[in-house]
Amino acid sequence: MTVEFDFTDRVAVVTGCCGALGSAVVNEFADAGATVAACDIVDIESDDSLLDPREGVSFYQADFTDEAAVEETMGQVVEDHGGIDFLLNIAGTWRGGDPVEETDVGQFDMLFDVNLKTMFLASKHALPELQEREGAIVSVSARSGLEGGEGDGLYRSTKASVKIMTETIAEENLGTVRANCVLPSVLDTPMNREMMTPSEEWVEPSEVARVMQFLCSDAADVTSGAAVPVYGEA
């Protein structure tokens, strides 16, 4: 069964747009007719970017750990496109680590900045527009954020925090803005293929992007505060 979404005349802000998942989300929403404001600290013209310039996508380079930059970027998006309907919080990174007693505080700061602070600041400065247009936020938590584990405790903690922040935003905006998150496990990305042995059980970023589309659509009108598994059989 084929499912299609129509986001014509809707404006979607995507953070972390130059990564594997972010670029997939940008392309899926643009293919569905949305006007996409694609945001990243990485330049879209950089060799590190997986997103190609395309029609219907405006690129905004900004550091989403910097509140002034986030506020300015959201303001520019509204000025350019008239408002915001969807916020897709994709910006994030993974790092393994040492036992807690051997962990450098710099790694703590970096992971919480990139994985949680970006989500918080983007949501904070998009919410007034989302409230006006009764929009939706979808953020990226992780399957591993559901429990503690050895080797990547800081990463797990940040993703658990994204889930709690999502539930909080949903509760604070009942009937106005829907907020949900997705829980990936291992995605089939170029970086993961370099780090690990590829598996047929890995999930394609485009598959996660389509679940995020569903959560922004009228089909999920009664869904808010949810953490949705998107790890298939991985």
Protein backbone atom coordinates (compact mmCIF):
# COMPACT_ATOMS: atom_id res chain seq x y z
CA MET A 1 0.00 0.00 0.00
CA THR A 2 1.36 3.39 -1.00
CA VAL A 3 0.90 6.37 1.30
CA GLU A 4 1.28 9.91 0.02
CA PHE A 5 1.33 13.19 1.93
CA ASP A 6 0.43 16.64 0.62
CA PHE A 7 2.08 19.52 2.47
CA THR A 8 1.43 22.16 -0.18
CA ASP A 9 1.44 25.68 1.33
CA ARG A 10 3.02 24.39 4.55
CA VAL A 11 6.40 25.55 5.85
CA ALA A 12 8.69 22.99 7.48
CA VAL A 13 11.87 23.90 9.38
CA VAL A 14 14.44 21.10 9.46
CA THR A 15 17.53 21.33 11.68
CA GLY A 16 20.59 19.20 11.00
CA CYS A 17 19.59 19.22 7.34
CA CYS A 18 23.00 18.32 5.93
CA GLY A 19 23.26 14.93 7.66
CA ALA A 20 21.93 11.59 6.47
CA LEU A 21 18.60 11.75 8.32
CA GLY A 22 18.20 15.51 7.99
CA SER A 23 18.70 15.47 4.23
CA ALA A 24 16.21 12.61 3.88
CA VAL A 25 13.63 14.57 5.88
CA VAL A 26 14.20 17.68 3.76
CA ASN A 27 13.75 15.73 0.54
CA GLU A 28 10.65 13.84 1.68
CA PHE A 29 8.90 17.02 2.83
CA ALA A 30 9.90 18.92 -0.32
CA ASP A 31 8.67 16.02 -2.47
CA ALA A 32 5.33 16.31 -0.64
CA GLY A 33 5.03 19.96 -1.64
CA ALA A 34 6.22 21.68 1.53
CA THR A 35 8.34 24.79 1.53
CA VAL A 36 11.39 23.66 3.49
CA ALA A 37 13.68 25.88 5.56
CA ALA A 38 16.76 23.68 5.84
CA CYS A 39 19.09 24.65 8.69
CA ASP A 40 22.55 23.47 9.65
CA ILE A 41 25.86 24.71 11.01
CA VAL A 42 27.46 22.87 8.06
CA ASP A 43 27.47 24.76 4.76
CA ILE A 44 25.27 23.07 2.18
CA GLU A 45 28.09 23.52 -0.34
CA SER A 46 30.55 21.68 1.93
CA ASP A 47 31.89 18.23 1.10
CA ASP A 48 30.44 17.17 4.47
CA SER A 49 26.90 17.98 3.36
CA LEU A 50 24.64 15.18 2.10
CA LEU A 51 21.94 17.65 1.02
CA ASP A 52 21.91 18.98 -2.53
CA PRO A 53 20.33 22.36 -3.31
CA ARG A 54 16.88 21.92 -4.85
CA GLU A 55 13.69 23.75 -5.68
CA GLY A 56 11.41 24.41 -2.72
CA VAL A 57 14.27 24.35 -0.21
CA SER A 58 15.85 27.46 1.34
CA PHE A 59 19.10 26.96 3.23
CA TYR A 60 19.92 28.80 6.47
CA GLN A 61 23.38 28.32 7.94
CA ALA A 62 23.32 28.78 11.70
CA ASP A 63 24.66 27.36 14.95
CA PHE A 64 21.57 26.04 16.74
CA THR A 65 23.42 25.89 20.06
CA ASP A 66 23.52 29.73 19.96
CA GLU A 67 20.21 31.26 21.06
CA ALA A 68 20.74 34.55 19.24
CA ALA A 69 21.44 32.66 16.00
CA VAL A 70 18.36 30.47 16.44
CA GLU A 71 16.10 33.46 17.16
CA GLU A 72 17.46 35.31 14.13
CA THR A 73 17.06 32.26 11.88
CA MET A 74 13.47 31.59 12.91
CA GLY A 75 12.67 35.24 12.39
CA GLN A 76 14.18 35.14 8.92
CA VAL A 77 12.21 32.00 8.05
CA VAL A 78 8.97 33.74 9.05
CA GLU A 79 9.93 36.86 7.10
CA ASP A 80 10.79 34.78 4.02
CA HIS A 81 7.89 32.32 4.09
CA GLY A 82 5.15 33.84 6.25
CA GLY A 83 5.17 31.40 9.15
CA ILE A 84 6.12 27.94 10.39
CA ASP A 85 3.86 24.86 10.33
CA PHE A 86 6.28 22.07 11.22
CA LEU A 87 9.55 21.85 13.13
CA LEU A 88 11.68 18.75 12.58
CA ASN A 89 14.46 18.63 15.18
CA ILE A 90 17.07 16.41 13.53
CA ALA A 91 20.34 18.05 14.65
CA GLY A 92 22.32 15.62 16.78
CA THR A 93 25.35 13.40 17.04
CA TRP A 94 26.51 10.15 18.61
CA ARG A 95 29.60 9.57 20.70
CA GLY A 96 30.63 6.56 22.68
CA GLY A 97 32.49 7.13 25.88
CA ASP A 98 34.23 6.03 29.00
CA PRO A 99 32.79 5.03 32.38
CA VAL A 100 31.28 8.00 34.21
CA GLU A 101 34.29 8.46 36.49
CA GLU A 102 36.57 8.70 33.45
CA THR A 103 34.35 10.91 31.30
CA ASP A 104 35.57 14.36 30.35
CA VAL A 105 33.11 17.17 31.08
CA GLY A 106 33.80 18.57 27.63
CA GLN A 107 32.10 15.56 26.08
CA PHE A 108 29.14 16.05 28.40
CA ASP A 109 28.81 19.68 27.31
CA MET A 110 29.15 18.84 23.62
CA LEU A 111 26.56 16.08 23.58
CA PHE A 112 23.98 17.97 25.60
CA ASP A 113 24.55 21.06 23.45
CA VAL A 114 24.15 19.27 20.13
CA ASN A 115 21.46 16.75 21.06
CA LEU A 116 19.30 18.62 23.57
CA LYS A 117 20.06 22.33 23.49
CA THR A 118 19.47 22.56 19.74
CA MET A 119 16.08 20.88 20.15
CA PHE A 120 15.17 23.15 23.07
CA LEU A 121 16.20 26.39 21.35
CA ALA A 122 14.61 25.52 18.01
CA SER A 123 11.36 24.58 19.77
CA LYS A 124 11.42 27.67 21.98
CA HIS A 125 11.75 30.07 19.08
CA ALA A 126 9.44 28.22 16.68
CA LEU A 127 6.61 27.70 19.18
CA PRO A 128 4.99 31.15 18.88
CA GLU A 129 4.55 30.58 15.13
CA LEU A 130 3.52 26.95 15.59
CA GLN A 131 0.93 27.97 18.18
CA GLU A 132 -0.55 30.50 15.78
CA ARG A 133 -0.85 27.92 12.99
CA GLU A 134 -1.59 24.88 15.20
CA GLY A 135 1.48 23.13 13.89
CA ALA A 136 3.59 20.17 14.92
CA ILE A 137 7.05 19.37 16.25
CA VAL A 138 8.79 16.05 15.66
CA SER A 139 12.15 15.47 17.33
CA VAL A 140 14.68 12.65 17.27
CA SER A 141 15.20 10.69 20.48
CA ALA A 142 16.65 7.17 20.29
CA ARG A 143 15.84 3.59 21.22
CA SER A 144 18.91 3.60 23.46
CA GLY A 145 17.48 6.59 25.34
CA LEU A 146 14.90 4.29 26.92
CA GLU A 147 17.42 2.73 29.29
CA GLY A 148 20.94 3.06 30.61
CA GLY A 149 23.79 1.15 29.07
CA GLU A 150 27.53 0.73 29.05
CA GLY A 151 29.72 2.77 26.75
CA ASP A 152 27.48 5.63 25.65
CA GLY A 153 25.74 6.83 28.79
CA LEU A 154 25.95 10.51 27.91
CA TYR A 155 24.37 9.96 24.50
CA ARG A 156 21.59 7.90 26.06
CA SER A 157 21.00 10.62 28.63
CA THR A 158 20.65 13.33 25.99
CA LYS A 159 18.17 11.28 23.99
CA ALA A 160 16.16 10.45 27.11
CA SER A 161 16.02 14.19 27.74
CA VAL A 162 14.71 14.82 24.22
CA LYS A 163 11.84 12.43 24.98
CA ILE A 164 11.01 14.20 28.25
CA MET A 165 11.20 17.63 26.60
CA THR A 166 8.87 16.38 23.88
CA GLU A 167 6.34 15.20 26.45
CA THR A 168 6.61 18.54 28.24
CA ILE A 169 5.99 20.58 25.08
CA ALA A 170 3.02 18.36 24.24
CA GLU A 171 1.53 18.84 27.71
CA GLU A 172 2.06 22.60 27.65
CA ASN A 173 0.41 22.94 24.22
CA LEU A 174 -2.55 20.60 24.44
CA GLY A 175 -4.98 21.30 21.63
CA THR A 176 -2.61 23.73 19.92
CA VAL A 177 0.77 22.26 18.96
CA ARG A 178 1.38 18.53 18.68
CA ALA A 179 4.84 17.36 19.79
CA ASN A 180 6.13 13.85 19.21
CA CYS A 181 9.49 12.14 18.86
CA VAL A 182 10.84 9.13 17.00
CA LEU A 183 13.13 6.43 18.38
CA PRO A 184 15.62 5.18 15.79
CA SER A 185 18.22 2.52 16.42
CA VAL A 186 20.96 2.00 13.83
CA LEU A 187 20.23 3.83 10.58
CA ASP A 188 21.71 2.88 7.24
CA THR A 189 23.99 5.89 6.78
CA PRO A 190 27.43 6.33 5.19
CA MET A 191 28.97 6.99 8.62
CA ASN A 192 27.48 3.86 10.16
CA ARG A 193 28.65 1.80 7.19
CA GLU A 194 32.17 3.03 7.84
CA MET A 195 31.98 2.25 11.56
CA MET A 196 30.07 -1.05 11.53
CA THR A 197 29.32 -4.08 9.40
CA PRO A 198 26.20 -3.23 7.36
CA SER A 199 23.04 -5.17 8.17
CA GLU A 200 19.83 -5.74 6.22
CA GLU A 201 17.99 -4.92 9.44
CA TRP A 202 19.18 -1.32 9.44
CA VAL A 203 16.48 1.26 8.71
CA GLU A 204 16.79 3.70 5.81
CA PRO A 205 16.67 7.41 6.77
CA SER A 206 13.86 7.93 4.24
CA GLU A 207 11.73 5.41 6.14
CA VAL A 208 12.13 7.43 9.34
CA ALA A 209 11.36 10.60 7.40
CA ARG A 210 8.03 9.17 6.27
CA VAL A 211 7.02 8.40 9.86
CA MET A 212 7.86 12.01 10.70
CA GLN A 213 5.62 13.09 7.83
CA PHE A 214 2.80 11.02 9.28
CA LEU A 215 3.27 12.66 12.68
CA CYS A 216 2.95 16.09 11.04
CA SER A 217 -0.10 15.10 9.00
CA ASP A 218 -3.80 15.26 9.77
CA ALA A 219 -3.71 11.46 10.11
CA ALA A 220 -1.91 11.93 13.45
CA ASP A 221 -4.21 14.71 14.64
CA VAL A 222 -4.89 12.90 17.94
CA THR A 223 -1.26 11.96 18.58
CA SER A 224 0.87 14.15 20.83
CA GLY A 225 3.49 13.35 23.45
CA ALA A 226 4.30 10.03 21.79
CA ALA A 227 7.68 8.34 21.38
CA VAL A 228 7.36 6.30 18.21
CA PRO A 229 9.70 3.34 17.54
CA VAL A 230 11.29 3.50 14.07
CA TYR A 231 13.86 0.75 14.41
CA GLY A 232 12.06 -2.02 12.54
CA GLU A 233 13.86 -5.27 13.27
CA ALA A 234 17.23 -3.62 14.00
